[in-house]
Amino acid sequence: MHTDPMERARNAGNTLHPFYGGLRLRHHKRISCTLPLAHARLPTRLFVPLQQHAGPPAEALVVPGQKVLKGEPIGRHEQPSRGWVHAPTSGTVTALARRPVTNPSGDDGPCVLLRPDRLDTWTDLHPIDDWETATPERLRRAIGEAGIVGLGGATFQTSHKVADARQQTVHTVILNGAECEPYISCDEILMRMQPERVIAGARVLQRATGAERTVIAIEDQMGAVEGALRDALSRSGATEAGEVIDIVKVTTLYPEGGERQLIQVLTGLEVPRGGRPTDIGLLCQNVGTAAAAADAVIEGKPLIERIVTVTGGGVRTPRNLIALLGTPVADLIDQSGGYTAQAARLVIGGPLMGYAVRSDDNPVVKGVNCVLVLTGDDVRPEQPEMPCIRCGECARVCPARLLPQQLHAQVCHDLLDEAADFGLDACIECGCCDYVCPSHIPLSEWFRFGKSEWRLLQKERARADAARQRFEARESRLARIRDERQRRMDEKKQALRDDARRKRRIADAVERVKSRQTAPGGDS
C-alpha cells in the first residue's frame, strides 16, 4: 500500500477506494440511449448568450445586421484567454438584447440573436497540424480561443485549468466519465458513439499539461463504453507515442461523478478543503470537455455545439441530440416527439442537481447537459417544511462529511461566519441531504442561498476594508504632509534662532573689542 500521498495520486485507479456518504439511485438512463446519437435540426432562430462561462460576460464583437460565418467569434472577454463565444452557424445578427438565459437564477443576460441563413458556411479554421509536437502553450492558447469550458456543468475556463496544471507540475489527468446523476446520458453516448474524440482529447490534454498519464473513469454499468474506448485507444497511436492512457471502471454510487469524490475513489486521497486537485498533482476534466479540446486543437473548431440528453417521462421519445448553442429548448423537445400529456415540470440538468425553468424558450448553453421533463408522478408533492428532528440522516449521506443540520440552523439565523467555519463552501450541492430529509427541508437550496449571501458579505467586507485602507492611507498621507510642514517650520524657526544667536555673539564680540579699545591703557 502506498503511504506517500503523491505516490498514491500517481497510482490513481490501480486500487479503488470508497468515499463517504452517497446514495444508490435508479439510473433511468437506458431510455435515452436506445436511439443513435443525432444532430438536432437547424433552428430558425438562435439566442446565443455572451455569458456561458464562469466569470463576467464576454463583450459583443458584432452589431445588428452583420453577417457572420459558422465558428466566427461574436463575443470575447477583455482578457483574450477567457470568455470566447462563437457563431453556431452562418447567418445574420438580428439584435443584441438582454433576454432570459439558462441558469439557476433565471436572470436576463446579454445575448446575440442570430437568424441562420441555412447555408451553414464555416469560417476559416486553423487546426494545429503538428499538435503532437506543438508546445503546451500553443495547445493551451488554441483551447482558450475556441471557448472551451468545463462541460460537466461548472463551465470553468479549460485553458486556465490547463495552465494551472502545467504550472503545478501535474502528473495525471483524470477524464471524468462517471456520469452518476439519474437520467443524464450525454457522456455515455459520447464515449460509446464517438470514442475517438475522447481518446484524442486525452492525448491533447496530456500533452498540454505535461502529465505522465491519463485515467478515463467510467461507471461499471455503462456496458459497451469500455470496449469502444479500448478499440479507439488501440487505433489512436497513443501507445506508439509512449502515452499512457488507462480506462478504469468505478462502481455506480451518486455523487461519484463529483470531482472530489471521483479523486477519492481513484486515489484514496481527499483534496484538502480550500485546495485544488492540482495540489496533489491531478487535473480532472469531463470527457466531453476533452473531446471539445481535441476538436479545437486537431480540427480548429470552436465550441459551438454539445450533446444534450432530452429525457424523462414527459417526453415522447427520449434521446441524445447534438445541439447548436443558442438553440431553444423547445426545438429539442419537438425533435424528441414533443411533450406527453403527463408532462409537469421542465428541468435543466438532473433531478437532484438540476433546476426548474419556466419556459422552453430558454437556449441551450455550454453548461446544459440535460433537458429533463418530469411527470406529475416524478415530482414530489409539495410537503410543508417541518422543523429539523436531528435524525442525522443528512450527515450520514453527505459526501463532503458536513453537518447539514448545523449549517441549516446557522444559515437560517444569519450566522454566516459560523457556517463558513463549518464548511459551507465545501458543500457540492448534490442534493443527497434533500433526498433523505424526513422534514422536507430544502437543505441544498438553503446552502446555495447561504453561499450567495456569504459571497456578498465578503464583497461588502472587502469594499469596507478597501474604504478603510483608503481612509487610513489618506490620513497617513495628510499626517506626513503636516509633519513635513511642521518640520520645515521648525527648521526655519531654529534657523532664525540660530541666526539671532549668531548675531548676538558677533555683537558681543564687537562690543568687547570696543570696550578694550576705549578702556584706559587700551590700544587706543
Protein backbone atom coordinates (compact mmCIF):
# COMPACT_ATOMS: atom_id res chain seq x y z
CA MET A 1 0.00 0.00 0.00
CA HIS A 2 1.30 3.44 -0.94
CA THR A 3 1.53 5.75 2.04
CA ASP A 4 3.06 8.76 0.31
CA PRO A 5 0.14 10.96 -0.92
CA MET A 6 1.85 11.98 -4.16
CA GLU A 7 2.73 8.36 -4.90
CA ARG A 8 -0.89 7.33 -4.25
CA ALA A 9 -2.05 10.08 -6.60
CA ARG A 10 0.36 8.82 -9.28
CA ASN A 11 -1.24 5.38 -8.99
CA ALA A 12 -4.79 6.68 -9.48
CA GLY A 13 -7.15 3.89 -10.49
CA ASN A 14 -4.85 0.98 -9.64
CA THR A 15 -6.88 0.42 -6.47
CA LEU A 16 -10.40 1.73 -5.90
CA HIS A 17 -11.44 3.28 -2.59
CA PRO A 18 -14.83 4.19 -1.06
CA PHE A 19 -15.96 7.73 -0.42
CA TYR A 20 -18.12 8.83 2.47
CA GLY A 21 -21.91 9.01 2.13
CA GLY A 22 -23.74 8.97 -1.17
CA LEU A 23 -26.89 7.30 -2.47
CA ARG A 24 -27.75 4.33 -4.65
CA LEU A 25 -30.35 5.53 -7.13
CA ARG A 26 -32.20 4.15 -10.13
CA HIS A 27 -30.38 5.18 -13.31
CA HIS A 28 -33.20 5.94 -15.78
CA LYS A 29 -30.51 6.23 -18.48
CA ARG A 30 -31.36 3.42 -20.87
CA ILE A 31 -34.49 5.15 -22.14
CA SER A 32 -32.40 7.91 -23.76
CA CYS A 33 -29.69 5.58 -25.14
CA THR A 34 -31.85 3.37 -27.36
CA LEU A 35 -31.79 5.78 -30.33
CA PRO A 36 -28.49 6.63 -32.04
CA LEU A 37 -26.87 10.00 -31.46
CA ALA A 38 -28.18 12.54 -33.99
CA HIS A 39 -27.79 16.21 -34.87
CA ALA A 40 -30.66 18.45 -33.83
CA ARG A 41 -32.35 20.25 -36.69
CA LEU A 42 -31.05 23.71 -37.55
CA PRO A 43 -33.40 26.12 -35.75
CA THR A 44 -34.97 29.18 -37.36
CA ARG A 45 -33.50 31.40 -34.62
CA LEU A 46 -30.64 31.23 -32.17
CA PHE A 47 -30.27 33.10 -28.88
CA VAL A 48 -26.57 32.98 -28.03
CA PRO A 49 -25.78 34.26 -24.50
CA LEU A 50 -22.48 36.11 -24.07
CA GLN A 51 -22.01 34.54 -20.64
CA GLN A 52 -21.67 30.79 -20.98
CA HIS A 53 -18.64 30.52 -18.71
CA ALA A 54 -17.75 31.15 -15.09
CA GLY A 55 -16.98 34.85 -14.66
CA PRO A 56 -18.16 38.08 -16.28
CA PRO A 57 -19.79 38.02 -19.74
CA ALA A 58 -17.95 38.50 -23.00
CA GLU A 59 -18.22 41.74 -24.95
CA ALA A 60 -20.09 41.55 -28.26
CA LEU A 61 -17.89 41.74 -31.36
CA VAL A 62 -20.84 42.08 -33.76
CA VAL A 63 -23.62 44.57 -34.48
CA PRO A 64 -27.21 44.11 -35.68
CA GLY A 65 -27.38 43.50 -39.41
CA GLN A 66 -23.90 41.98 -39.58
CA LYS A 67 -23.48 38.69 -41.43
CA VAL A 68 -21.38 36.06 -39.68
CA LEU A 69 -19.94 32.69 -40.60
CA LYS A 70 -20.14 29.49 -38.60
CA GLY A 71 -17.39 29.45 -35.98
CA GLU A 72 -16.67 33.18 -36.25
CA PRO A 73 -16.04 34.93 -32.91
CA ILE A 74 -19.06 37.02 -31.88
CA GLY A 75 -18.03 37.72 -28.28
CA ARG A 76 -14.78 37.98 -26.38
CA HIS A 77 -13.72 38.92 -22.88
CA GLU A 78 -11.19 41.72 -22.42
CA GLN A 79 -8.73 39.02 -21.37
CA PRO A 80 -8.09 37.09 -24.60
CA SER A 81 -7.69 33.75 -22.82
CA ARG A 82 -11.24 33.67 -21.49
CA GLY A 83 -14.85 34.14 -22.47
CA TRP A 84 -14.82 33.48 -26.23
CA VAL A 85 -18.25 32.99 -27.86
CA HIS A 86 -18.63 31.90 -31.50
CA ALA A 87 -21.43 31.87 -34.06
CA PRO A 88 -23.04 28.39 -34.03
CA THR A 89 -23.92 28.70 -37.73
CA SER A 90 -23.78 31.23 -40.54
CA GLY A 91 -26.44 33.91 -40.72
CA THR A 92 -27.35 37.47 -39.80
CA VAL A 93 -27.23 39.12 -36.40
CA THR A 94 -30.73 40.48 -35.84
CA ALA A 95 -30.23 42.09 -32.42
CA LEU A 96 -28.12 42.45 -29.32
CA ALA A 97 -30.51 42.22 -26.39
CA ARG A 98 -30.97 41.12 -22.82
CA ARG A 99 -33.23 38.11 -22.50
CA PRO A 100 -33.71 35.14 -20.16
CA VAL A 101 -30.69 32.85 -20.21
CA THR A 102 -30.40 29.31 -18.95
CA ASN A 103 -29.02 29.40 -15.42
CA PRO A 104 -30.33 28.64 -11.91
CA SER A 105 -31.10 32.29 -11.16
CA GLY A 106 -33.27 32.72 -14.25
CA ASP A 107 -31.91 36.23 -14.70
CA ASP A 108 -31.67 38.03 -18.02
CA GLY A 109 -28.29 38.29 -19.71
CA PRO A 110 -26.75 39.83 -22.84
CA CYS A 111 -27.41 37.75 -25.95
CA VAL A 112 -26.65 37.80 -29.66
CA LEU A 113 -29.80 36.98 -31.65
CA LEU A 114 -28.92 35.20 -34.88
CA ARG A 115 -31.07 34.28 -37.88
CA PRO A 116 -29.48 31.29 -39.68
CA ASP A 117 -29.11 31.54 -43.47
CA ARG A 118 -29.47 27.72 -43.78
CA LEU A 119 -26.10 27.53 -45.61
CA ASP A 120 -24.10 26.57 -42.50
CA THR A 121 -20.93 28.07 -44.02
CA TRP A 122 -17.78 27.74 -41.91
CA THR A 123 -15.29 30.49 -41.31
CA ASP A 124 -11.62 29.71 -41.95
CA LEU A 125 -10.37 27.19 -39.41
CA HIS A 126 -6.82 26.96 -38.13
CA PRO A 127 -6.05 23.46 -36.86
CA ILE A 128 -2.66 22.69 -35.35
CA ASP A 129 -1.41 20.09 -37.81
CA ASP A 130 1.72 19.37 -35.79
CA TRP A 131 -0.15 19.20 -32.47
CA GLU A 132 1.77 16.10 -31.37
CA THR A 133 4.97 18.16 -31.27
CA ALA A 134 3.48 21.63 -30.60
CA THR A 135 4.35 23.48 -27.41
CA PRO A 136 1.95 23.21 -24.45
CA GLU A 137 1.41 26.98 -24.60
CA ARG A 138 0.28 26.74 -28.22
CA LEU A 139 -2.20 23.99 -27.36
CA ARG A 140 -3.48 25.93 -24.35
CA ARG A 141 -3.99 29.07 -26.42
CA ALA A 142 -5.97 27.14 -29.05
CA ILE A 143 -8.19 25.66 -26.33
CA GLY A 144 -8.79 29.11 -24.82
CA GLU A 145 -9.58 30.85 -28.11
CA ALA A 146 -12.02 28.05 -29.01
CA GLY A 147 -14.09 28.94 -25.94
CA ILE A 148 -13.71 25.53 -24.31
CA VAL A 149 -15.16 25.34 -20.79
CA GLY A 150 -16.00 22.50 -18.44
CA LEU A 151 -18.98 20.70 -19.97
CA GLY A 152 -19.79 18.80 -16.80
CA GLY A 153 -21.71 21.84 -15.55
CA ALA A 154 -19.20 24.11 -13.80
CA THR A 155 -18.13 25.90 -17.04
CA PHE A 156 -14.71 26.92 -15.71
CA GLN A 157 -12.22 28.02 -18.37
CA THR A 158 -10.41 24.90 -19.53
CA SER A 159 -7.36 26.84 -20.70
CA HIS A 160 -6.96 28.30 -17.22
CA LYS A 161 -7.15 24.88 -15.57
CA VAL A 162 -4.63 23.52 -18.07
CA ALA A 163 -2.27 26.44 -17.43
CA ASP A 164 -2.58 25.92 -13.67
CA ALA A 165 -1.92 22.21 -14.11
CA ARG A 166 1.19 22.96 -16.14
CA GLN A 167 2.43 25.40 -13.51
CA GLN A 168 1.73 22.96 -10.65
CA THR A 169 3.51 20.08 -12.43
CA VAL A 170 0.51 17.77 -12.71
CA HIS A 171 1.41 14.12 -13.31
CA THR A 172 -2.05 12.63 -14.01
CA VAL A 173 -5.08 13.79 -15.99
CA ILE A 174 -8.40 12.25 -14.92
CA LEU A 175 -11.16 12.26 -17.53
CA ASN A 176 -14.48 12.05 -15.71
CA GLY A 177 -16.94 9.77 -17.47
CA ALA A 178 -18.63 8.71 -14.23
CA GLU A 179 -21.99 10.20 -15.12
CA CYS A 180 -23.68 9.40 -11.83
CA GLU A 181 -26.85 11.52 -11.78
CA PRO A 182 -30.01 9.74 -12.94
CA TYR A 183 -31.39 10.33 -16.45
CA ILE A 184 -28.27 12.09 -17.85
CA SER A 185 -26.53 10.01 -20.53
CA CYS A 186 -24.77 12.54 -22.81
CA ASP A 187 -21.30 11.45 -21.68
CA GLU A 188 -22.15 7.77 -22.04
CA ILE A 189 -23.43 8.21 -25.59
CA LEU A 190 -20.36 10.31 -26.46
CA MET A 191 -17.97 7.61 -25.25
CA ARG A 192 -19.97 4.88 -26.98
CA MET A 193 -20.59 6.63 -30.31
CA GLN A 194 -17.56 8.94 -30.62
CA PRO A 195 -14.82 7.31 -28.51
CA GLU A 196 -12.06 8.50 -30.83
CA ARG A 197 -12.81 12.12 -29.86
CA VAL A 198 -12.44 11.27 -26.16
CA ILE A 199 -9.13 9.46 -26.71
CA ALA A 200 -7.86 12.34 -28.86
CA GLY A 201 -8.87 14.73 -26.10
CA ALA A 202 -6.98 12.66 -23.56
CA ARG A 203 -3.85 12.89 -25.72
CA VAL A 204 -4.23 16.65 -26.23
CA LEU A 205 -4.73 17.38 -22.53
CA GLN A 206 -1.87 15.09 -21.55
CA ARG A 207 0.46 16.97 -23.89
CA ALA A 208 -0.90 20.40 -22.92
CA THR A 209 -0.31 19.74 -19.21
CA GLY A 210 2.87 17.71 -19.48
CA ALA A 211 1.21 14.90 -17.49
CA GLU A 212 2.69 11.41 -17.48
CA ARG A 213 -0.62 9.56 -17.58
CA THR A 214 -4.35 9.83 -18.23
CA VAL A 215 -7.07 7.86 -16.45
CA ILE A 216 -10.53 7.68 -18.04
CA ALA A 217 -13.07 6.79 -15.34
CA ILE A 218 -16.37 5.24 -16.41
CA GLU A 219 -19.23 3.64 -14.49
CA ASP A 220 -19.42 -0.13 -14.32
CA GLN A 221 -22.99 -0.09 -15.66
CA MET A 222 -22.06 1.60 -18.96
CA GLY A 223 -21.89 -1.66 -20.91
CA ALA A 224 -20.33 -1.16 -24.35
CA VAL A 225 -18.43 2.02 -23.42
CA GLU A 226 -15.28 0.28 -22.18
CA GLY A 227 -14.91 -1.76 -25.36
CA ALA A 228 -15.49 1.27 -27.58
CA LEU A 229 -12.85 3.29 -25.74
CA ARG A 230 -10.30 0.46 -25.82
CA ASP A 231 -10.82 -0.04 -29.56
CA ALA A 232 -10.38 3.69 -30.17
CA LEU A 233 -7.28 3.72 -27.97
CA SER A 234 -5.69 0.86 -29.91
CA ARG A 235 -6.18 2.79 -33.17
CA SER A 236 -5.08 6.18 -31.83
CA GLY A 237 -1.30 5.81 -31.91
CA ALA A 238 -1.08 6.82 -28.26
CA THR A 239 0.78 3.67 -27.22
CA GLU A 240 3.28 4.06 -30.06
CA ALA A 241 3.84 7.66 -28.97
CA GLY A 242 4.65 6.48 -25.44
CA GLU A 243 1.46 7.95 -23.93
CA VAL A 244 -0.11 6.11 -21.01
CA ILE A 245 -3.93 6.10 -21.08
CA ASP A 246 -5.83 3.78 -18.73
CA ILE A 247 -9.56 3.06 -18.62
CA VAL A 248 -10.94 2.34 -15.15
CA LYS A 249 -14.45 1.23 -14.18
CA VAL A 250 -15.87 2.56 -10.92
CA THR A 251 -18.99 1.45 -9.06
CA THR A 252 -22.17 3.41 -9.59
CA LEU A 253 -22.88 5.47 -6.50
CA TYR A 254 -24.22 9.02 -6.52
CA PRO A 255 -22.43 11.53 -6.48
CA GLU A 256 -19.33 9.59 -7.54
CA GLY A 257 -19.05 11.81 -10.61
CA GLY A 258 -18.24 14.79 -8.41
CA GLU A 259 -14.64 15.85 -8.92
CA ARG A 260 -13.52 15.38 -5.32
CA GLN A 261 -15.45 12.15 -4.85
CA LEU A 262 -14.02 10.61 -8.02
CA ILE A 263 -10.48 11.57 -6.99
CA GLN A 264 -11.08 9.92 -3.61
CA VAL A 265 -12.34 6.75 -5.30
CA LEU A 266 -9.34 6.56 -7.63
CA THR A 267 -6.62 7.53 -5.14
CA GLY A 268 -7.98 7.22 -1.61
CA LEU A 269 -6.98 10.87 -1.12
CA GLU A 270 -9.21 13.80 -0.24
CA VAL A 271 -8.49 17.13 -1.89
CA PRO A 272 -7.75 19.50 1.01
CA ARG A 273 -10.51 21.92 1.91
CA GLY A 274 -9.80 25.17 0.11
CA GLY A 275 -7.34 23.34 -2.15
CA ARG A 276 -7.48 22.07 -5.71
CA PRO A 277 -6.72 18.72 -7.35
CA THR A 278 -3.56 20.25 -8.80
CA ASP A 279 -2.24 20.49 -5.23
CA ILE A 280 -1.83 16.69 -5.31
CA GLY A 281 -0.72 16.51 -8.94
CA LEU A 282 -4.09 15.83 -10.59
CA LEU A 283 -6.22 17.57 -13.23
CA CYS A 284 -9.83 16.41 -13.55
CA GLN A 285 -11.81 17.17 -16.72
CA ASN A 286 -15.12 15.96 -18.12
CA VAL A 287 -14.89 13.59 -21.10
CA GLY A 288 -16.98 15.99 -23.18
CA THR A 289 -14.56 18.79 -22.36
CA ALA A 290 -11.68 16.60 -23.53
CA ALA A 291 -13.47 15.86 -26.81
CA ALA A 292 -14.10 19.58 -27.37
CA ALA A 293 -10.43 20.31 -26.67
CA ALA A 294 -9.46 17.77 -29.33
CA ASP A 295 -11.82 19.44 -31.82
CA ALA A 296 -10.23 22.81 -31.07
CA VAL A 297 -6.64 21.66 -31.46
CA ILE A 298 -6.81 18.98 -34.17
CA GLU A 299 -9.62 20.44 -36.33
CA GLY A 300 -9.53 24.10 -35.30
CA LYS A 301 -13.24 24.04 -34.37
CA PRO A 302 -14.55 26.25 -31.56
CA LEU A 303 -17.16 25.08 -29.07
CA ILE A 304 -20.45 25.81 -30.85
CA GLU A 305 -22.43 22.65 -30.08
CA ARG A 306 -22.77 19.99 -27.44
CA ILE A 307 -24.58 16.73 -26.76
CA VAL A 308 -27.78 17.20 -24.75
CA THR A 309 -29.85 14.42 -23.20
CA VAL A 310 -33.58 15.04 -23.74
CA THR A 311 -35.41 12.65 -21.47
CA GLY A 312 -37.99 11.97 -18.79
CA GLY A 313 -41.49 10.60 -18.66
CA GLY A 314 -42.79 13.91 -20.00
CA VAL A 315 -41.08 13.44 -23.40
CA ARG A 316 -42.44 11.06 -26.03
CA THR A 317 -39.08 9.93 -27.47
CA PRO A 318 -36.15 10.38 -25.08
CA ARG A 319 -32.82 10.62 -26.87
CA ASN A 320 -29.47 12.40 -27.13
CA LEU A 321 -29.05 15.22 -29.64
CA ILE A 322 -26.07 17.27 -30.79
CA ALA A 323 -27.49 20.78 -30.40
CA LEU A 324 -26.11 24.11 -31.55
CA LEU A 325 -25.55 26.52 -28.67
CA GLY A 326 -28.39 29.02 -28.62
CA THR A 327 -31.00 26.51 -29.80
CA PRO A 328 -34.29 26.98 -27.92
CA VAL A 329 -35.05 24.04 -25.66
CA ALA A 330 -38.48 23.82 -27.32
CA ASP A 331 -36.79 22.76 -30.58
CA LEU A 332 -35.13 19.80 -28.85
CA ILE A 333 -38.40 18.80 -27.19
CA ASP A 334 -40.12 18.95 -30.58
CA GLN A 335 -37.47 16.73 -32.21
CA SER A 336 -37.94 14.28 -29.33
CA GLY A 337 -41.60 13.79 -30.14
CA GLY A 338 -42.96 16.63 -28.04
CA TYR A 339 -44.45 16.61 -24.57
CA THR A 340 -46.61 13.81 -23.24
CA ALA A 341 -49.92 14.53 -21.59
CA GLN A 342 -48.28 13.78 -18.23
CA ALA A 343 -45.53 16.43 -18.56
CA ALA A 344 -45.45 18.50 -15.38
CA ARG A 345 -42.04 20.14 -14.88
CA LEU A 346 -39.17 21.20 -17.14
CA VAL A 347 -35.74 20.80 -15.53
CA ILE A 348 -32.29 21.72 -16.83
CA GLY A 349 -29.84 19.09 -15.59
CA GLY A 350 -30.65 16.08 -13.45
CA PRO A 351 -33.35 15.52 -10.82
CA LEU A 352 -31.03 16.24 -7.88
CA MET A 353 -28.66 18.99 -9.03
CA GLY A 354 -30.78 20.45 -11.82
CA TYR A 355 -33.09 23.45 -11.69
CA ALA A 356 -36.59 24.05 -12.98
CA VAL A 357 -37.23 26.65 -15.70
CA ARG A 358 -40.49 28.33 -16.55
CA SER A 359 -40.14 28.44 -20.33
CA ASP A 360 -38.83 26.12 -23.03
CA ASP A 361 -37.78 29.21 -24.97
CA ASN A 362 -34.55 29.21 -22.95
CA PRO A 363 -31.48 28.50 -25.07
CA VAL A 364 -29.02 25.62 -24.89
CA VAL A 365 -25.72 26.89 -23.45
CA LYS A 366 -22.35 25.25 -22.84
CA GLY A 367 -23.32 24.06 -19.36
CA VAL A 368 -26.62 22.38 -20.36
CA ASN A 369 -26.11 18.62 -20.36
CA CYS A 370 -29.72 17.51 -19.96
CA VAL A 371 -33.28 18.66 -20.60
CA LEU A 372 -35.46 16.64 -18.23
CA VAL A 373 -39.25 16.67 -18.41
CA LEU A 374 -40.78 15.15 -15.31
CA THR A 375 -44.31 13.86 -14.95
CA GLY A 376 -46.63 14.53 -12.05
CA ASP A 377 -45.72 11.13 -10.60
CA ASP A 378 -41.99 12.01 -10.74
CA VAL A 379 -42.42 15.30 -8.92
CA ARG A 380 -42.67 15.01 -5.18
CA PRO A 381 -45.89 16.53 -3.93
CA GLU A 382 -45.33 19.79 -2.14
CA GLN A 383 -44.85 19.00 1.52
CA PRO A 384 -44.83 21.58 4.29
CA GLU A 385 -41.36 22.20 5.64
CA MET A 386 -41.19 20.86 9.18
CA PRO A 387 -38.67 21.53 11.95
CA CYS A 388 -35.47 19.50 11.93
CA ILE A 389 -35.79 16.40 14.14
CA ARG A 390 -31.99 15.93 14.40
CA CYS A 391 -32.18 12.42 12.93
CA GLY A 392 -28.73 12.73 11.37
CA GLU A 393 -29.69 11.18 8.02
CA CYS A 394 -28.37 14.21 6.13
CA ALA A 395 -24.95 13.88 7.79
CA ARG A 396 -24.89 10.15 7.02
CA VAL A 397 -25.24 10.66 3.26
CA CYS A 398 -23.25 13.91 2.88
CA PRO A 399 -20.22 13.08 0.67
CA ALA A 400 -18.41 16.20 1.90
CA ARG A 401 -18.64 14.99 5.54
CA LEU A 402 -20.53 18.11 6.60
CA LEU A 403 -23.22 18.57 9.26
CA PRO A 404 -26.12 19.82 7.12
CA GLN A 405 -28.48 20.25 10.08
CA GLN A 406 -25.95 22.52 11.79
CA LEU A 407 -25.28 24.50 8.61
CA HIS A 408 -29.02 24.92 8.06
CA ALA A 409 -29.50 26.38 11.54
CA GLN A 410 -26.57 28.75 11.06
CA VAL A 411 -27.74 29.98 7.65
CA CYS A 412 -31.32 30.41 8.90
CA HIS A 413 -30.07 32.58 11.76
CA ASP A 414 -27.73 34.56 9.50
CA LEU A 415 -24.66 33.18 11.27
CA LEU A 416 -22.66 33.12 8.07
CA ASP A 417 -19.23 33.32 9.68
CA GLU A 418 -20.04 30.26 11.78
CA ALA A 419 -21.45 28.46 8.73
CA ALA A 420 -18.26 29.21 6.82
CA ASP A 421 -16.23 27.79 9.69
CA PHE A 422 -18.35 24.62 9.50
CA GLY A 423 -17.52 24.18 5.79
CA LEU A 424 -20.41 25.82 3.95
CA ASP A 425 -18.16 26.43 0.93
CA ALA A 426 -17.34 22.69 0.80
CA CYS A 427 -20.97 21.79 0.02
CA ILE A 428 -21.17 20.45 -3.56
CA GLU A 429 -24.97 20.93 -3.70
CA CYS A 430 -25.50 17.30 -4.69
CA GLY A 431 -28.94 17.15 -3.06
CA CYS A 432 -28.33 13.94 -1.08
CA CYS A 433 -29.44 15.66 2.13
CA ASP A 434 -32.66 16.87 0.46
CA TYR A 435 -33.41 13.34 -0.72
CA VAL A 436 -33.31 11.77 2.75
CA CYS A 437 -34.68 14.60 4.91
CA PRO A 438 -37.92 13.43 6.61
CA SER A 439 -38.82 17.02 7.45
CA HIS A 440 -38.80 18.03 3.76
CA ILE A 441 -36.31 20.83 4.37
CA PRO A 442 -34.80 22.07 1.07
CA LEU A 443 -31.30 21.99 2.52
CA SER A 444 -29.39 22.44 -0.76
CA GLU A 445 -31.49 25.48 -1.56
CA TRP A 446 -30.64 26.94 1.84
CA PHE A 447 -26.95 26.24 1.29
CA ARG A 448 -26.97 27.85 -2.16
CA PHE A 449 -28.61 30.89 -0.57
CA GLY A 450 -26.10 30.87 2.27
CA LYS A 451 -23.13 30.69 -0.08
CA SER A 452 -24.54 33.53 -2.16
CA GLU A 453 -25.07 35.65 0.96
CA TRP A 454 -21.58 34.78 2.20
CA ARG A 455 -20.05 35.89 -1.10
CA LEU A 456 -21.98 39.17 -0.88
CA LEU A 457 -20.85 39.61 2.71
CA GLN A 458 -17.25 39.00 1.69
CA LYS A 459 -17.56 41.56 -1.10
CA GLU A 460 -19.06 44.10 1.30
CA ARG A 461 -16.27 43.45 3.77
CA ALA A 462 -13.71 43.76 1.00
CA ARG A 463 -15.25 47.08 -0.04
CA ALA A 464 -15.31 48.25 3.58
CA ASP A 465 -11.70 47.14 4.05
CA ALA A 466 -10.72 48.94 0.87
CA ALA A 467 -12.54 52.10 2.03
CA ARG A 468 -10.89 51.83 5.45
CA GLN A 469 -7.49 51.35 3.84
CA ARG A 470 -8.11 54.35 1.58
CA PHE A 471 -9.14 56.43 4.61
CA GLU A 472 -6.15 55.29 6.61
CA ALA A 473 -3.84 55.92 3.66
CA ARG A 474 -5.32 59.43 3.26
CA GLU A 475 -4.95 60.14 6.96
CA SER A 476 -1.40 58.84 6.89
CA ARG A 477 -0.64 60.99 3.84
CA LEU A 478 -2.12 64.08 5.47
CA ALA A 479 -0.21 63.33 8.67
CA ARG A 480 3.00 63.06 6.67
CA ILE A 481 2.23 66.38 4.98
CA ARG A 482 1.51 68.00 8.35
CA ASP A 483 4.66 66.51 9.86
CA GLU A 484 6.75 67.66 6.90
CA ARG A 485 5.25 71.12 7.05
CA GLN A 486 5.88 71.29 10.80
CA ARG A 487 9.42 70.04 10.31
CA ARG A 488 10.14 72.76 7.76
CA MET A 489 8.63 75.41 10.04
CA ASP A 490 10.65 74.13 12.97
CA GLU A 491 13.78 74.19 10.84
CA LYS A 492 13.07 77.78 9.81
CA LYS A 493 12.42 78.80 13.40
CA GLN A 494 15.58 77.06 14.50
CA ALA A 495 17.49 78.74 11.70
CA LEU A 496 16.13 82.11 12.79
CA ARG A 497 17.04 81.39 16.41
CA ASP A 498 20.48 80.25 15.34
CA ASP A 499 20.88 83.40 13.22
CA ALA A 500 19.81 85.62 16.15
CA ARG A 501 22.27 83.86 18.46
CA ARG A 502 24.99 84.25 15.87
CA LYS A 503 24.22 87.94 15.50
CA ARG A 504 24.26 88.36 19.29
CA ARG A 505 27.60 86.59 19.54
CA ILE A 506 29.01 88.84 16.80
CA ALA A 507 27.58 91.93 18.51
CA ASP A 508 29.01 90.80 21.84
CA ALA A 509 32.40 90.24 20.24
CA VAL A 510 32.31 93.68 18.63
CA GLU A 511 31.26 95.20 21.92
CA ARG A 512 34.14 93.52 23.75
CA VAL A 513 36.61 94.81 21.17
CA LYS A 514 35.23 98.29 21.52
CA SER A 515 35.38 98.04 25.28
CA ARG A 516 39.04 97.05 25.21
CA GLN A 517 39.82 99.85 22.77
CA THR A 518 38.23 102.51 24.95
CA ALA A 519 39.49 101.17 28.26
CA PRO A 520 42.45 103.05 29.96
CA GLY A 521 45.69 101.57 28.79
CA GLY A 522 43.96 100.07 25.82
CA ASP A 523 45.33 100.01 22.32
CA SER A 524 43.81 103.34 21.51
